[in-house]
PDB file of N, CA and C in Angstrom:
ATOM      1  N   MET A   1     -68.723 -58.870 -85.961  1.00  0.00           N
ATOM      2  CA  MET A   1     -68.132 -59.498 -87.118  1.00  0.00           C
ATOM      3  C   MET A   1     -69.066 -59.407 -88.319  1.00  0.00           C
ATOM      4  N   ALA A   2     -70.373 -59.554 -88.057  1.00  0.00           N
ATOM      5  CA  ALA A   2     -71.331 -59.424 -89.149  1.00  0.00           C
ATOM      6  C   ALA A   2     -71.356 -57.998 -89.671  1.00  0.00           C
ATOM      7  N   ILE A   3     -71.104 -57.029 -88.792  1.00  0.00           N
ATOM      8  CA  ILE A   3     -71.046 -55.638 -89.224  1.00  0.00           C
ATOM      9  C   ILE A   3     -69.829 -55.428 -90.102  1.00  0.00           C
ATOM     10  N   LEU A   4     -68.721 -56.052 -89.736  1.00  0.00           N
ATOM     11  CA  LEU A   4     -67.506 -55.910 -90.538  1.00  0.00           C
ATOM     12  C   LEU A   4     -67.661 -56.555 -91.907  1.00  0.00           C
ATOM     13  N   LEU A   5     -68.423 -57.643 -91.974  1.00  0.00           N
ATOM     14  CA  LEU A   5     -68.659 -58.300 -93.257  1.00  0.00           C
ATOM     15  C   LEU A   5     -69.684 -57.549 -94.094  1.00  0.00           C
ATOM     16  N   ASP A   6     -70.441 -56.644 -93.475  1.00  0.00           N
ATOM     17  CA  ASP A   6     -71.478 -55.857 -94.138  1.00  0.00           C
ATOM     18  C   ASP A   6     -72.431 -56.764 -94.910  1.00  0.00           C
ATOM     19  N   SER A   7     -72.932 -57.749 -94.197  1.00  0.00           N
ATOM     20  CA  SER A   7     -73.802 -58.727 -94.831  1.00  0.00           C
ATOM     21  C   SER A   7     -75.236 -58.511 -94.390  1.00  0.00           C
ATOM     22  N   ARG A   8     -76.142 -58.596 -95.307  1.00  0.00           N
ATOM     23  CA  ARG A   8     -77.571 -58.533 -95.007  1.00  0.00           C
ATOM     24  C   ARG A   8     -78.159 -59.951 -94.921  1.00  0.00           C
ATOM     25  N   ASN A   9     -77.317 -60.930 -95.110  1.00  0.00           N
ATOM     26  CA  ASN A   9     -77.755 -62.317 -95.076  1.00  0.00           C
ATOM     27  C   ASN A   9     -77.959 -62.749 -93.618  1.00  0.00           C
ATOM     28  N   PRO A  10     -79.153 -63.226 -93.245  1.00  0.00           N
ATOM     29  CA  PRO A  10     -79.390 -63.612 -91.851  1.00  0.00           C
ATOM     30  C   PRO A  10     -78.528 -64.781 -91.383  1.00  0.00           C
ATOM     31  N   GLN A  11     -78.148 -65.686 -92.281  1.00  0.00           N
ATOM     32  CA  GLN A  11     -77.337 -66.822 -91.867  1.00  0.00           C
ATOM     33  C   GLN A  11     -75.967 -66.367 -91.361  1.00  0.00           C
ATOM     34  N   VAL A  12     -75.398 -65.338 -91.985  1.00  0.00           N
ATOM     35  CA  VAL A  12     -74.103 -64.819 -91.525  1.00  0.00           C
ATOM     36  C   VAL A  12     -74.238 -64.229 -90.126  1.00  0.00           C
ATOM     37  N   ILE A  13     -75.315 -63.531 -89.883  1.00  0.00           N
ATOM     38  CA  ILE A  13     -75.547 -62.944 -88.568  1.00  0.00           C
ATOM     39  C   ILE A  13     -75.778 -64.041 -87.534  1.00  0.00           C
ATOM     40  N   TYR A  14     -76.527 -65.090 -87.880  1.00  0.00           N
ATOM     41  CA  TYR A  14     -76.766 -66.193 -86.943  1.00  0.00           C
ATOM     42  C   TYR A  14     -75.466 -66.905 -86.578  1.00  0.00           C
ATOM     43  N   VAL A  15     -74.640 -67.175 -87.556  1.00  0.00           N
ATOM     44  CA  VAL A  15     -73.365 -67.853 -87.300  1.00  0.00           C
ATOM     45  C   VAL A  15     -72.455 -66.963 -86.466  1.00  0.00           C
ATOM     46  N   THR A  16     -72.438 -65.670 -86.759  1.00  0.00           N
ATOM     47  CA  THR A  16     -71.604 -64.747 -86.007  1.00  0.00           C
ATOM     48  C   THR A  16     -72.043 -64.662 -84.550  1.00  0.00           C
ATOM     49  N   MET A  17     -73.333 -64.575 -84.312  1.00  0.00           N
ATOM     50  CA  MET A  17     -73.831 -64.515 -82.944  1.00  0.00           C
ATOM     51  C   MET A  17     -73.601 -65.829 -82.202  1.00  0.00           C
ATOM     52  N   PHE A  18     -73.696 -66.945 -82.903  1.00  0.00           N
ATOM     53  CA  PHE A  18     -73.393 -68.237 -82.302  1.00  0.00           C
ATOM     54  C   PHE A  18     -71.934 -68.296 -81.858  1.00  0.00           C
ATOM     55  N   LEU A  19     -71.036 -67.834 -82.710  1.00  0.00           N
ATOM     56  CA  LEU A  19     -69.607 -67.821 -82.366  1.00  0.00           C
ATOM     57  C   LEU A  19     -69.321 -66.850 -81.227  1.00  0.00           C
ATOM     58  N   LEU A  20     -69.937 -65.684 -81.245  1.00  0.00           N
ATOM     59  CA  LEU A  20     -69.736 -64.710 -80.178  1.00  0.00           C
ATOM     60  C   LEU A  20     -70.213 -65.266 -78.841  1.00  0.00           C
ATOM     61  N   GLY A  21     -71.381 -65.878 -78.821  1.00  0.00           N
ATOM     62  CA  GLY A  21     -71.893 -66.472 -77.593  1.00  0.00           C
ATOM     63  C   GLY A  21     -71.043 -67.637 -77.115  1.00  0.00           C
ATOM     64  N   GLY A  22     -70.602 -68.476 -78.050  1.00  0.00           N
ATOM     65  CA  GLY A  22     -69.782 -69.628 -77.677  1.00  0.00           C
ATOM     66  C   GLY A  22     -68.411 -69.245 -77.170  1.00  0.00           C
ATOM     67  N   LEU A  23     -67.866 -68.161 -77.690  1.00  0.00           N
ATOM     68  CA  LEU A  23     -66.538 -67.730 -77.250  1.00  0.00           C
ATOM     69  C   LEU A  23     -66.581 -66.874 -75.983  1.00  0.00           C
ATOM     70  N   SER A  24     -67.700 -66.198 -75.734  1.00  0.00           N
ATOM     71  CA  SER A  24     -67.784 -65.368 -74.534  1.00  0.00           C
ATOM     72  C   SER A  24     -68.352 -66.129 -73.338  1.00  0.00           C
ATOM     73  N   PHE A  25     -68.950 -67.274 -73.549  1.00  0.00           N
ATOM     74  CA  PHE A  25     -69.547 -68.049 -72.453  1.00  0.00           C
ATOM     75  C   PHE A  25     -68.518 -68.482 -71.401  1.00  0.00           C
ATOM     76  N   PRO A  26     -67.337 -68.970 -71.770  1.00  0.00           N
ATOM     77  CA  PRO A  26     -66.395 -69.425 -70.739  1.00  0.00           C
ATOM     78  C   PRO A  26     -65.611 -68.300 -70.057  1.00  0.00           C
ATOM     79  N   LEU A  27     -65.905 -67.042 -70.342  1.00  0.00           N
ATOM     80  CA  LEU A  27     -65.147 -65.950 -69.734  1.00  0.00           C
ATOM     81  C   LEU A  27     -65.303 -65.909 -68.220  1.00  0.00           C
ATOM     82  N   TYR A  28     -66.502 -66.169 -67.709  1.00  0.00           N
ATOM     83  CA  TYR A  28     -66.714 -66.137 -66.264  1.00  0.00           C
ATOM     84  C   TYR A  28     -65.836 -67.165 -65.553  1.00  0.00           C
ATOM     85  N   SER A  29     -65.818 -68.374 -66.046  1.00  0.00           N
ATOM     86  CA  SER A  29     -65.020 -69.414 -65.377  1.00  0.00           C
ATOM     87  C   SER A  29     -63.528 -69.141 -65.503  1.00  0.00           C
ATOM     88  N   LEU A  30     -63.098 -68.589 -66.632  1.00  0.00           N
ATOM     89  CA  LEU A  30     -61.684 -68.240 -66.780  1.00  0.00           C
ATOM     90  C   LEU A  30     -61.288 -67.110 -65.842  1.00  0.00           C
ATOM     91  N   CYS A  31     -62.144 -66.112 -65.701  1.00  0.00           N
ATOM     92  CA  CYS A  31     -61.861 -65.011 -64.774  1.00  0.00           C
ATOM     93  C   CYS A  31     -61.839 -65.494 -63.332  1.00  0.00           C
ATOM     94  N   LEU A  32     -62.743 -66.382 -63.000  1.00  0.00           N
ATOM     95  CA  LEU A  32     -62.778 -66.926 -61.640  1.00  0.00           C
ATOM     96  C   LEU A  32     -61.524 -67.745 -61.343  1.00  0.00           C
ATOM     97  N   ALA A  33     -61.094 -68.562 -62.272  1.00  0.00           N
ATOM     98  CA  ALA A  33     -59.871 -69.352 -62.061  1.00  0.00           C
ATOM     99  C   ALA A  33     -58.651 -68.457 -61.948  1.00  0.00           C
ATOM    100  N   HIS A  34     -58.575 -67.420 -62.766  1.00  0.00           N
ATOM    101  CA  HIS A  34     -57.445 -66.492 -62.700  1.00  0.00           C
ATOM    102  C   HIS A  34     -57.439 -65.733 -61.375  1.00  0.00           C
ATOM    103  N   ALA A  35     -58.617 -65.303 -60.916  1.00  0.00           N
ATOM    104  CA  ALA A  35     -58.701 -64.588 -59.643  1.00  0.00           C
ATOM    105  C   ALA A  35     -58.335 -65.503 -58.477  1.00  0.00           C
ATOM    106  N   ASN A  36     -58.751 -66.757 -58.521  1.00  0.00           N
ATOM    107  CA  ASN A  36     -58.407 -67.693 -57.444  1.00  0.00           C
ATOM    108  C   ASN A  36     -56.920 -67.995 -57.412  1.00  0.00           C
ATOM    109  N   ASP A  37     -56.273 -68.002 -58.562  1.00  0.00           N
ATOM    110  CA  ASP A  37     -54.844 -68.278 -58.604  1.00  0.00           C
ATOM    111  C   ASP A  37     -54.004 -67.120 -58.076  1.00  0.00           C
ATOM    112  N   ASN A  38     -54.525 -65.908 -58.141  1.00  0.00           N
ATOM    113  CA  ASN A  38     -53.731 -64.725 -57.809  1.00  0.00           C
ATOM    114  C   ASN A  38     -54.227 -63.992 -56.572  1.00  0.00           C
ATOM    115  N   THR A  39     -54.770 -64.708 -55.595  1.00  0.00           N
ATOM    116  CA  THR A  39     -55.265 -64.051 -54.393  1.00  0.00           C
ATOM    117  C   THR A  39     -54.933 -64.875 -53.159  1.00  0.00           C
ATOM    118  N   ASP A  40     -54.981 -64.196 -52.031  1.00  0.00           N
ATOM    119  CA  ASP A  40     -54.796 -64.871 -50.746  1.00  0.00           C
ATOM    120  C   ASP A  40     -56.118 -65.065 -50.016  1.00  0.00           C
ATOM    121  N   LEU A  41     -57.214 -64.579 -50.579  1.00  0.00           N
ATOM    122  CA  LEU A  41     -58.529 -64.712 -49.967  1.00  0.00           C
ATOM    123  C   LEU A  41     -59.078 -66.115 -50.197  1.00  0.00           C
ATOM    124  N   SER A  42     -60.179 -66.413 -49.514  1.00  0.00           N
ATOM    125  CA  SER A  42     -60.793 -67.730 -49.701  1.00  0.00           C
ATOM    126  C   SER A  42     -61.498 -67.794 -51.056  1.00  0.00           C
ATOM    127  N   ILE A  43     -61.755 -69.012 -51.492  1.00  0.00           N
ATOM    128  CA  ILE A  43     -62.402 -69.214 -52.790  1.00  0.00           C
ATOM    129  C   ILE A  43     -63.807 -68.622 -52.787  1.00  0.00           C
ATOM    130  N   MET A  44     -64.501 -68.683 -51.649  1.00  0.00           N
ATOM    131  CA  MET A  44     -65.859 -68.151 -51.560  1.00  0.00           C
ATOM    132  C   MET A  44     -65.872 -66.635 -51.707  1.00  0.00           C
ATOM    133  N   GLU A  45     -64.918 -65.951 -51.100  1.00  0.00           N
ATOM    134  CA  GLU A  45     -64.859 -64.491 -51.200  1.00  0.00           C
ATOM    135  C   GLU A  45     -64.554 -64.051 -52.634  1.00  0.00           C
ATOM    136  N   VAL A  46     -63.615 -64.734 -53.252  1.00  0.00           N
ATOM    137  CA  VAL A  46     -63.255 -64.390 -54.629  1.00  0.00           C
ATOM    138  C   VAL A  46     -64.412 -64.692 -55.571  1.00  0.00           C
ATOM    139  N   GLY A  47     -65.061 -65.832 -55.385  1.00  0.00           N
ATOM    140  CA  GLY A  47     -66.195 -66.195 -56.229  1.00  0.00           C
ATOM    141  C   GLY A  47     -67.345 -65.213 -56.104  1.00  0.00           C
ATOM    142  N   SER A  48     -67.589 -64.740 -54.879  1.00  0.00           N
ATOM    143  CA  SER A  48     -68.652 -63.749 -54.673  1.00  0.00           C
ATOM    144  C   SER A  48     -68.331 -62.444 -55.382  1.00  0.00           C
ATOM    145  N   GLY A  49     -67.072 -62.002 -55.297  1.00  0.00           N
ATOM    146  CA  GLY A  49     -66.675 -60.760 -55.955  1.00  0.00           C
ATOM    147  C   GLY A  49     -66.752 -60.853 -57.469  1.00  0.00           C
ATOM    148  N   VAL A  50     -66.281 -61.964 -58.017  1.00  0.00           N
ATOM    149  CA  VAL A  50     -66.321 -62.134 -59.473  1.00  0.00           C
ATOM    150  C   VAL A  50     -67.758 -62.240 -59.962  1.00  0.00           C
ATOM    151  N   LEU A  51     -68.608 -62.925 -59.217  1.00  0.00           N
ATOM    152  CA  LEU A  51     -70.018 -63.033 -59.591  1.00  0.00           C
ATOM    153  C   LEU A  51     -70.703 -61.672 -59.539  1.00  0.00           C
ATOM    154  N   MET A  52     -70.367 -60.860 -58.532  1.00  0.00           N
ATOM    155  CA  MET A  52     -70.958 -59.526 -58.428  1.00  0.00           C
ATOM    156  C   MET A  52     -70.514 -58.646 -59.595  1.00  0.00           C
ATOM    157  N   MET A  53     -69.238 -58.687 -59.947  1.00  0.00           N
ATOM    158  CA  MET A  53     -68.750 -57.890 -61.074  1.00  0.00           C
ATOM    159  C   MET A  53     -69.369 -58.358 -62.399  1.00  0.00           C
ATOM    160  N   ASN A  54     -69.535 -59.663 -62.540  1.00  0.00           N
ATOM    161  CA  ASN A  54     -70.174 -60.199 -63.742  1.00  0.00           C
ATOM    162  C   ASN A  54     -71.630 -59.736 -63.825  1.00  0.00           C
ATOM    163  N   SER A  55     -72.314 -59.731 -62.700  1.00  0.00           N
ATOM    164  CA  SER A  55     -73.715 -59.305 -62.677  1.00  0.00           C
ATOM    165  C   SER A  55     -73.847 -57.817 -62.985  1.00  0.00           C
ATOM    166  N   ILE A  56     -72.979 -57.003 -62.401  1.00  0.00           N
ATOM    167  CA  ILE A  56     -73.028 -55.564 -62.654  1.00  0.00           C
ATOM    168  C   ILE A  56     -72.721 -55.277 -64.116  1.00  0.00           C
ATOM    169  N   GLY A  57     -71.738 -55.972 -64.673  1.00  0.00           N
ATOM    170  CA  GLY A  57     -71.419 -55.784 -66.087  1.00  0.00           C
ATOM    171  C   GLY A  57     -72.543 -56.228 -67.001  1.00  0.00           C
ATOM    172  N   SER A  58     -73.248 -57.290 -66.612  1.00  0.00           N
ATOM    173  CA  SER A  58     -74.375 -57.765 -67.422  1.00  0.00           C
ATOM    174  C   SER A  58     -75.548 -56.798 -67.377  1.00  0.00           C
ATOM    175  N   ILE A  59     -75.677 -56.069 -66.294  1.00  0.00           N
ATOM    176  CA  ILE A  59     -76.755 -55.085 -66.185  1.00  0.00           C
ATOM    177  C   ILE A  59     -76.381 -53.781 -66.878  1.00  0.00           C
ATOM    178  N   LEU A  60     -75.176 -53.288 -66.618  1.00  0.00           N
ATOM    179  CA  LEU A  60     -74.785 -51.978 -67.132  1.00  0.00           C
ATOM    180  C   LEU A  60     -74.346 -51.998 -68.596  1.00  0.00           C
ATOM    181  N   GLY A  61     -73.834 -53.121 -69.069  1.00  0.00           N
ATOM    182  CA  GLY A  61     -73.348 -53.198 -70.439  1.00  0.00           C
ATOM    183  C   GLY A  61     -74.395 -52.856 -71.485  1.00  0.00           C
ATOM    184  N   PRO A  62     -75.562 -53.487 -71.466  1.00  0.00           N
ATOM    185  CA  PRO A  62     -76.591 -53.142 -72.449  1.00  0.00           C
ATOM    186  C   PRO A  62     -77.105 -51.714 -72.303  1.00  0.00           C
ATOM    187  N   LEU A  63     -77.163 -51.209 -71.069  1.00  0.00           N
ATOM    188  CA  LEU A  63     -77.630 -49.834 -70.873  1.00  0.00           C
ATOM    189  C   LEU A  63     -76.648 -48.824 -71.457  1.00  0.00           C
ATOM    190  N   VAL A  64     -75.378 -49.036 -71.240  1.00  0.00           N
ATOM    191  CA  VAL A  64     -74.365 -48.134 -71.786  1.00  0.00           C
ATOM    192  C   VAL A  64     -74.361 -48.217 -73.308  1.00  0.00           C
ATOM    193  N   CYS A  65     -74.463 -49.420 -73.843  1.00  0.00           N
ATOM    194  CA  CYS A  65     -74.497 -49.573 -75.305  1.00  0.00           C
ATOM    195  C   CYS A  65     -75.728 -48.911 -75.908  1.00  0.00           C
ATOM    196  N   HIS A  66     -76.833 -48.949 -75.208  1.00  0.00           N
ATOM    197  CA  HIS A  66     -78.053 -48.319 -75.706  1.00  0.00           C
ATOM    198  C   HIS A  66     -77.860 -46.817 -75.872  1.00  0.00           C
ATOM    199  N   PHE A  67     -77.234 -46.169 -74.899  1.00  0.00           N
ATOM    200  CA  PHE A  67     -77.057 -44.726 -74.973  1.00  0.00           C
ATOM    201  C   PHE A  67     -75.933 -44.334 -75.924  1.00  0.00           C
ATOM    202  N   CYS A  68     -74.979 -45.211 -76.158  1.00  0.00           N
ATOM    203  CA  CYS A  68     -73.864 -44.892 -77.051  1.00  0.00           C
ATOM    204  C   CYS A  68     -74.131 -45.278 -78.500  1.00  0.00           C
ATOM    205  N   TRP A  69     -75.184 -46.008 -78.749  1.00  0.00           N
ATOM    206  CA  TRP A  69     -75.394 -46.580 -80.077  1.00  0.00           C
ATOM    207  C   TRP A  69     -75.614 -45.525 -81.154  1.00  0.00           C
ATOM    208  N   ASP A  70     -76.416 -44.504 -80.878  1.00  0.00           N
ATOM    209  CA  ASP A  70     -76.775 -43.523 -81.902  1.00  0.00           C
ATOM    210  C   ASP A  70     -75.880 -42.295 -81.925  1.00  0.00           C
ATOM    211  N   THR A  71     -74.872 -42.251 -81.104  1.00  0.00           N
ATOM    212  CA  THR A  71     -74.026 -41.058 -81.047  1.00  0.00           C
ATOM    213  C   THR A  71     -72.771 -41.272 -81.884  1.00  0.00           C
ATOM    214  N   PRO A  72     -72.205 -40.184 -82.407  1.00  0.00           N
ATOM    215  CA  PRO A  72     -70.972 -40.307 -83.194  1.00  0.00           C
ATOM    216  C   PRO A  72     -69.782 -40.795 -82.378  1.00  0.00           C
ATOM    217  N   ILE A  73     -69.835 -40.665 -81.054  1.00  0.00           N
ATOM    218  CA  ILE A  73     -68.707 -41.137 -80.248  1.00  0.00           C
ATOM    219  C   ILE A  73     -68.564 -42.654 -80.355  1.00  0.00           C
ATOM    220  N   TRP A  74     -69.659 -43.356 -80.674  1.00  0.00           N
ATOM    221  CA  TRP A  74     -69.605 -44.808 -80.847  1.00  0.00           C
ATOM    222  C   TRP A  74     -68.611 -45.173 -81.939  1.00  0.00           C
ATOM    223  N   LEU A  75     -68.622 -44.418 -83.027  1.00  0.00           N
ATOM    224  CA  LEU A  75     -67.696 -44.709 -84.115  1.00  0.00           C
ATOM    225  C   LEU A  75     -66.254 -44.434 -83.707  1.00  0.00           C
ATOM    226  N   ARG A  76     -66.055 -43.379 -82.928  1.00  0.00           N
ATOM    227  CA  ARG A  76     -64.696 -43.084 -82.471  1.00  0.00           C
ATOM    228  C   ARG A  76     -64.190 -44.148 -81.507  1.00  0.00           C
ATOM    229  N   LEU A  77     -65.054 -44.614 -80.604  1.00  0.00           N
ATOM    230  CA  LEU A  77     -64.642 -45.671 -79.674  1.00  0.00           C
ATOM    231  C   LEU A  77     -64.341 -46.967 -80.414  1.00  0.00           C
ATOM    232  N   LEU A  78     -65.155 -47.291 -81.396  1.00  0.00           N
ATOM    233  CA  LEU A  78     -64.930 -48.500 -82.173  1.00  0.00           C
ATOM    234  C   LEU A  78     -63.614 -48.422 -82.932  1.00  0.00           C
ATOM    235  N   SER A  79     -63.315 -47.265 -83.495  1.00  0.00           N
ATOM    236  CA  SER A  79     -62.056 -47.133 -84.230  1.00  0.00           C
ATOM    237  C   SER A  79     -60.858 -47.197 -83.288  1.00  0.00           C
ATOM    238  N   GLN A  80     -60.998 -46.714 -82.054  1.00  0.00           N
ATOM    239  CA  GLN A  80     -59.907 -46.792 -81.088  1.00  0.00           C
ATOM    240  C   GLN A  80     -59.674 -48.236 -80.655  1.00  0.00           C
ATOM    241  N   VAL A  81     -60.737 -49.001 -80.488  1.00  0.00           N
ATOM    242  CA  VAL A  81     -60.604 -50.403 -80.082  1.00  0.00           C
ATOM    243  C   VAL A  81     -59.920 -51.198 -81.197  1.00  0.00           C
ATOM    244  N   GLN A  82     -60.262 -50.896 -82.439  1.00  0.00           N
ATOM    245  CA  GLN A  82     -59.671 -51.632 -83.550  1.00  0.00           C
ATOM    246  C   GLN A  82     -58.186 -51.321 -83.719  1.00  0.00           C
ATOM    247  N   GLN A  83     -57.730 -50.177 -83.229  1.00  0.00           N
ATOM    248  CA  GLN A  83     -56.338 -49.799 -83.384  1.00  0.00           C
ATOM    249  C   GLN A  83     -55.461 -50.297 -82.245  1.00  0.00           C
ATOM    250  N   CYS A  84     -56.052 -50.885 -81.211  1.00  0.00           N
ATOM    251  CA  CYS A  84     -55.265 -51.383 -80.078  1.00  0.00           C
ATOM    252  C   CYS A  84     -54.425 -52.577 -80.498  1.00  0.00           C
ATOM    253  N   PRO A  85     -53.153 -52.570 -80.162  1.00  0.00           N
ATOM    254  CA  PRO A  85     -52.336 -53.747 -80.481  1.00  0.00           C
ATOM    255  C   PRO A  85     -52.554 -54.855 -79.465  1.00  0.00           C
ATOM    256  N   PHE A  86     -53.100 -55.962 -79.892  1.00  0.00           N
ATOM    257  CA  PHE A  86     -53.359 -57.083 -78.984  1.00  0.00           C
ATOM    258  C   PHE A  86     -52.253 -58.080 -79.100  1.00  0.00           C
TER     259      PHE A  86
END
Protein backbone atom coordinates (compact mmCIF):
# COMPACT_ATOMS: atom_id res chain seq x y z
CA MET A 1 0.00 0.00 0.00
CA ALA A 2 2.89 2.34 0.75
CA ILE A 3 4.28 1.51 -2.69
CA LEU A 4 0.96 2.41 -4.27
CA LEU A 5 0.92 5.72 -2.41
CA ASP A 6 4.51 6.36 -3.59
CA SER A 7 5.35 7.97 -0.30
CA ARG A 8 8.82 8.56 1.06
CA ASN A 9 7.34 9.51 4.42
CA PRO A 10 8.28 6.90 7.06
CA GLN A 11 5.04 7.39 8.99
CA VAL A 12 3.00 6.21 5.99
CA ILE A 13 5.15 3.10 5.72
CA TYR A 14 4.86 2.42 9.48
CA VAL A 15 1.07 2.73 9.41
CA THR A 16 0.85 0.55 6.31
CA MET A 17 2.99 -2.18 7.83
CA PHE A 18 0.99 -2.01 11.06
CA LEU A 19 -2.24 -2.51 9.09
CA LEU A 20 -0.74 -5.32 7.01
CA GLY A 21 0.46 -7.15 10.11
CA GLY A 22 -2.82 -6.60 11.96
CA LEU A 23 -4.90 -7.85 9.06
CA SER A 24 -2.72 -10.86 8.23
CA PHE A 25 -2.28 -12.04 11.84
CA PRO A 26 -5.69 -13.77 12.16
CA LEU A 27 -5.29 -15.69 8.87
CA TYR A 28 -3.92 -18.80 10.59
CA SER A 29 -6.86 -19.12 12.96
CA LEU A 30 -9.37 -18.44 10.18
CA CYS A 31 -7.78 -21.10 7.97
CA LEU A 32 -7.75 -23.57 10.83
CA ALA A 33 -11.43 -22.97 11.62
CA HIS A 34 -12.37 -23.30 7.95
CA ALA A 35 -10.38 -26.54 7.61
CA ASN A 36 -11.97 -27.99 10.76
CA ASP A 37 -15.44 -27.17 9.48
CA ASN A 38 -14.89 -28.89 6.12
CA THR A 39 -13.17 -32.15 7.06
CA ASP A 40 -13.91 -35.55 8.52
CA LEU A 41 -10.47 -35.87 10.15
CA SER A 42 -9.74 -35.16 13.79
CA ILE A 43 -8.98 -31.64 14.96
CA MET A 44 -5.39 -32.65 15.79
CA GLU A 45 -4.69 -33.95 12.28
CA VAL A 46 -6.13 -30.86 10.64
CA GLY A 47 -4.29 -28.54 13.02
CA SER A 48 -1.00 -30.30 12.32
CA GLY A 49 -1.49 -29.99 8.56
CA VAL A 50 -2.45 -26.32 8.70
CA LEU A 51 0.49 -25.55 11.00
CA MET A 52 2.87 -27.35 8.64
CA MET A 53 1.57 -25.44 5.60
CA ASN A 54 1.81 -22.16 7.52
CA SER A 55 5.40 -22.96 8.50
CA ILE A 56 6.41 -23.92 4.96
CA GLY A 57 4.83 -20.75 3.59
CA SER A 58 6.61 -18.65 6.20
CA ILE A 59 9.93 -20.16 5.18
CA LEU A 60 9.50 -20.20 1.41
CA GLY A 61 7.64 -16.90 1.02
CA PRO A 62 10.56 -14.57 1.80
CA LEU A 63 12.95 -16.72 -0.24
CA VAL A 64 10.74 -16.63 -3.32
CA CYS A 65 10.19 -12.89 -2.92
CA HIS A 66 13.94 -12.35 -2.63
CA PHE A 67 14.61 -14.00 -5.99
CA CYS A 68 11.64 -12.35 -7.71
CA TRP A 69 12.25 -8.85 -6.39
CA ASP A 70 14.80 -7.62 -8.95
CA THR A 71 13.41 -9.34 -12.02
CA PRO A 72 10.96 -7.82 -14.51
CA ILE A 73 8.60 -10.75 -13.97
CA TRP A 74 7.80 -9.23 -10.55
CA LEU A 75 6.09 -6.33 -12.28
CA ARG A 76 4.11 -8.66 -14.52
CA LEU A 77 2.97 -10.77 -11.57
CA LEU A 78 1.97 -7.68 -9.63
CA SER A 79 -0.05 -6.36 -12.56
CA GLN A 80 -1.79 -9.74 -12.94
CA VAL A 81 -2.73 -9.80 -9.24
CA GLN A 82 -4.15 -6.28 -9.46
CA GLN A 83 -6.34 -7.27 -12.41
CA CYS A 84 -7.96 -10.24 -10.62
CA PRO A 85 -11.63 -9.67 -9.89
CA PHE A 86 -12.15 -10.23 -6.17
